[in-house]
């Protein structure tokens, strides 16, 4: 719910984003740049 409100995501997209964030999957994709605050 936090990601839905914060980023305006649809529920399914928020679930995917939360899962990837938890397991740090974005770091495994070479064409994505992970930007942290």
C-alpha atoms as a PDB file:
ATOM      1  CA  UNK A   1       0.000   0.000   0.000  1.00  0.00           C
ATOM      2  CA  UNK A   2       2.917   2.334   0.764  1.00  0.00           C
ATOM      3  CA  UNK A   3       4.336   2.019  -2.768  1.00  0.00           C
ATOM      4  CA  UNK A   4       0.906   2.515  -4.330  1.00  0.00           C
ATOM      5  CA  UNK A   5       0.446   5.864  -2.610  1.00  0.00           C
ATOM      6  CA  UNK A   6       4.051   7.021  -2.785  1.00  0.00           C
ATOM      7  CA  UNK A   7       4.616   6.282  -6.474  1.00  0.00           C
ATOM      8  CA  UNK A   8       1.067   6.064  -7.838  1.00  0.00           C
ATOM      9  CA  UNK A   9       1.486   2.422  -8.850  1.00  0.00           C
ATOM     10  CA  UNK A  10      -1.242  -0.041  -9.646  1.00  0.00           C
ATOM     11  CA  UNK A  11      -1.549  -2.802  -7.024  1.00  0.00           C
ATOM     12  CA  UNK A  12       0.065  -5.484  -9.200  1.00  0.00           C
ATOM     13  CA  UNK A  13       2.947  -3.166 -10.136  1.00  0.00           C
ATOM     14  CA  UNK A  14       3.477  -2.267  -6.470  1.00  0.00           C
ATOM     15  CA  UNK A  15       3.661  -5.968  -5.578  1.00  0.00           C
ATOM     16  CA  UNK A  16       6.312  -6.571  -8.250  1.00  0.00           C
ATOM     17  CA  UNK A  17       8.307  -3.505  -7.153  1.00  0.00           C
ATOM     18  CA  UNK A  18       8.141  -4.494  -3.464  1.00  0.00           C
ATOM     19  CA  UNK A  19       9.281  -8.035  -4.249  1.00  0.00           C
ATOM     20  CA  UNK A  20      12.191  -6.828  -6.382  1.00  0.00           C
ATOM     21  CA  UNK A  21      13.207  -4.326  -3.716  1.00  0.00           C
ATOM     22  CA  UNK A  22      13.110  -6.971  -0.981  1.00  0.00           C
ATOM     23  CA  UNK A  23      15.212  -9.481  -2.909  1.00  0.00           C
ATOM     24  CA  UNK A  24      17.420  -6.803  -4.582  1.00  0.00           C
ATOM     25  CA  UNK A  25      16.573  -8.195  -8.028  1.00  0.00           C
ATOM     26  CA  UNK A  26      17.195  -4.876  -9.768  1.00  0.00           C
ATOM     27  CA  UNK A  27      20.923  -5.188  -9.019  1.00  0.00           C
ATOM     28  CA  UNK A  28      21.064  -8.347 -11.149  1.00  0.00           C
ATOM     29  CA  UNK A  29      19.841  -6.594 -14.313  1.00  0.00           C
ATOM     30  CA  UNK A  30      22.846  -5.098 -16.095  1.00  0.00           C
ATOM     31  CA  UNK A  31      20.902  -2.468 -18.071  1.00  0.00           C
ATOM     32  CA  UNK A  32      19.244  -0.949 -14.971  1.00  0.00           C
ATOM     33  CA  UNK A  33      20.921   1.602 -12.756  1.00  0.00           C
ATOM     34  CA  UNK A  34      19.991   1.400  -9.086  1.00  0.00           C
ATOM     35  CA  UNK A  35      19.876   4.877  -7.549  1.00  0.00           C
ATOM     36  CA  UNK A  36      19.704   5.077  -3.769  1.00  0.00           C
ATOM     37  CA  UNK A  37      19.021   8.179  -1.665  1.00  0.00           C
END
